[in-house]
Protein backbone atom coordinates (compact mmCIF):
# COMPACT_ATOMS: atom_id res chain seq x y z
CA UNK A 1 10.73 10.82 15.95
CA UNK A 2 6.68 9.73 15.75
CA UNK A 3 6.31 12.92 14.93
CA UNK A 4 8.28 12.24 11.60
CA UNK A 5 6.92 9.04 11.02
CA UNK A 6 3.35 9.84 10.66
CA UNK A 7 3.50 13.14 8.43
CA UNK A 8 5.98 10.90 6.26
CA UNK A 9 4.19 11.50 2.50
CA UNK A 10 4.02 7.46 2.23
CA UNK A 11 2.15 6.82 5.39
CA UNK A 12 -0.72 9.52 4.50
CA UNK A 13 -1.06 7.33 1.40
CA UNK A 14 -0.60 3.91 3.11
CA UNK A 15 -4.18 5.40 5.75
CA UNK A 16 -5.89 6.55 2.59
CA UNK A 17 -4.90 3.39 1.55
CA UNK A 18 -6.71 1.39 4.37
CA UNK A 19 -9.57 3.81 4.80
CA UNK A 20 -10.54 3.04 0.56
CA UNK A 21 -10.24 -1.23 1.71
CA UNK A 22 -12.35 -0.65 4.11
CA UNK A 23 -15.10 1.20 2.66
CA UNK A 24 -15.39 -1.41 -0.07
CA UNK A 25 -14.97 -4.20 2.33
CA UNK A 26 -17.86 -2.44 3.52
CA UNK A 27 -20.15 -2.54 0.32
CA UNK A 28 -18.74 -6.20 -0.10
CA UNK A 29 -20.39 -6.80 2.46
CA UNK A 30 -23.42 -5.09 1.91
CA UNK A 31 -23.57 -6.51 -1.63
CA UNK A 32 -22.78 -10.57 -0.04
CA UNK A 33 -26.25 -10.30 2.54
CA UNK A 34 -28.31 -8.52 -0.62
CA UNK A 35 -27.16 -11.76 -2.49
CA UNK A 36 -25.78 -9.45 -5.04
CA UNK A 37 -22.12 -11.17 -4.76
CA UNK A 38 -20.79 -13.15 -7.14
CA UNK A 39 -17.51 -13.67 -5.36
CA UNK A 40 -17.11 -13.73 -2.17
CA UNK A 41 -13.51 -14.81 -1.35
CA UNK A 42 -13.12 -10.93 -2.94
CA UNK A 43 -14.21 -10.31 0.62
CA UNK A 44 -11.41 -12.48 1.44
CA UNK A 45 -8.84 -11.04 -1.23
CA UNK A 46 -10.16 -7.59 0.91
CA UNK A 47 -8.86 -8.44 4.47
CA UNK A 48 -5.76 -9.71 3.39
CA UNK A 49 -4.78 -6.71 1.26
CA UNK A 50 -5.85 -4.83 4.61
CA UNK A 51 -3.79 -5.78 6.86
CA UNK A 52 -0.42 -5.88 4.49
CA UNK A 53 -1.67 -2.82 4.34
CA UNK A 54 -1.62 -2.04 7.67
CA UNK A 55 1.19 -3.94 8.48
CA UNK A 56 3.36 -0.99 6.91
CA UNK A 57 3.05 2.00 8.12
CA UNK A 58 2.95 0.34 11.70
């Protein structure tokens, strides 16, 4: 049963989305540290999206 859940195409999409969100979060952190980020609230929004997406497939 667990194997079927992990092979589900929807789960694969959600995992790919989590990877993209983590990558963009890292980019936002780099921008913040170099002073290029103007909208610092984007970091919080991205963290929230990441956690919501993780909860969908767990």
